[in-house]
C-alpha cells in the first residue's frame, strides 16, 4: 500500500508538472524556500518573506529549511531538478503515513475502517496534493504526528513488561513532561490496570493538552520578547 501511495503521488507530480512554478495557480513558493535559498547563498537562516536579505529570523523550525537548503546547494535554487527531488521526498513521507493510519485504526475503530481510511488516503487526490504542490513540511508533520499518536496508543503494552523498558524509551523520545501528558491523554493509569476504551475523549484530551502546552510556551516567549524590547528601547533612550 505504501508503494501504491508513493506511485500515485509521483504520477501526479510528473503528469501535472507540479514542479513547474510558472503556473497561474502557483502557491508553492513560501517562507521555507526563501529561508532555504538564503542558507544556500551563505546568508544564514534569514529572509523568510523576500529574495533579498532582510535579517535573521525564527519564523519556522530549522530542520526542514536546512534539508531544502541542502538540496538547493547541490541541484540549484528552485530548479526543476531540486523541486522534483523535494516533492519526491515529500511524496515518500505522505505515502509512509499509511502505516500509522492502519496502526491507529487497529487499536481504535478496527481493521476494516482502517483499510477504508488507508485507501482513501492513497487514492483521494486532495491528500496527494500537499506533497506535490507545496514546498513545506506538511507531509513530514502528518507522518510524525500520526506515528506519535500511534505510539501513545501502544504505551499501555510498552509499560506492561516486567522491566518497564518501554517507558524509558518513551521518556528518552519525548521527555518527562510530554510522557505524562500522553499517559493522561490516552487514559491509562499504570501497568496491569485497565485502559479507557473511549477513543474520542482520549483524542480530545491529547489535543487540549498539547494546545495548552503550546499556549504556555508562546506566552512565555512573548513575555521574554517584550522584556528584551523594553530593555532595548530604554537603552536607546538613555543613549
Foldseek 3Di string as FASTA:
>chain_A
DLVLLLVVLLCCCPVVVLLDQPDPPADQDFQLLCQLVCVLVVNHRADRPDVDGDDHDPPDDDPLSVVLNVLCNVPNRSDSVSLSVQLSVLSSLLSVLLVLLQLVCVLAVRNVVSVVVSVCCRPPVVNSCCSNNHSDCVSVVSSVVSVVLSVLSCQQVCCQDPVSVSVVVVCVVPNDVVNVQSCVLQADDHHPDDTDRDPVSSVVSSVVVVVVVVVVVVVVVVVVVVVVVVVVVVVVVVD
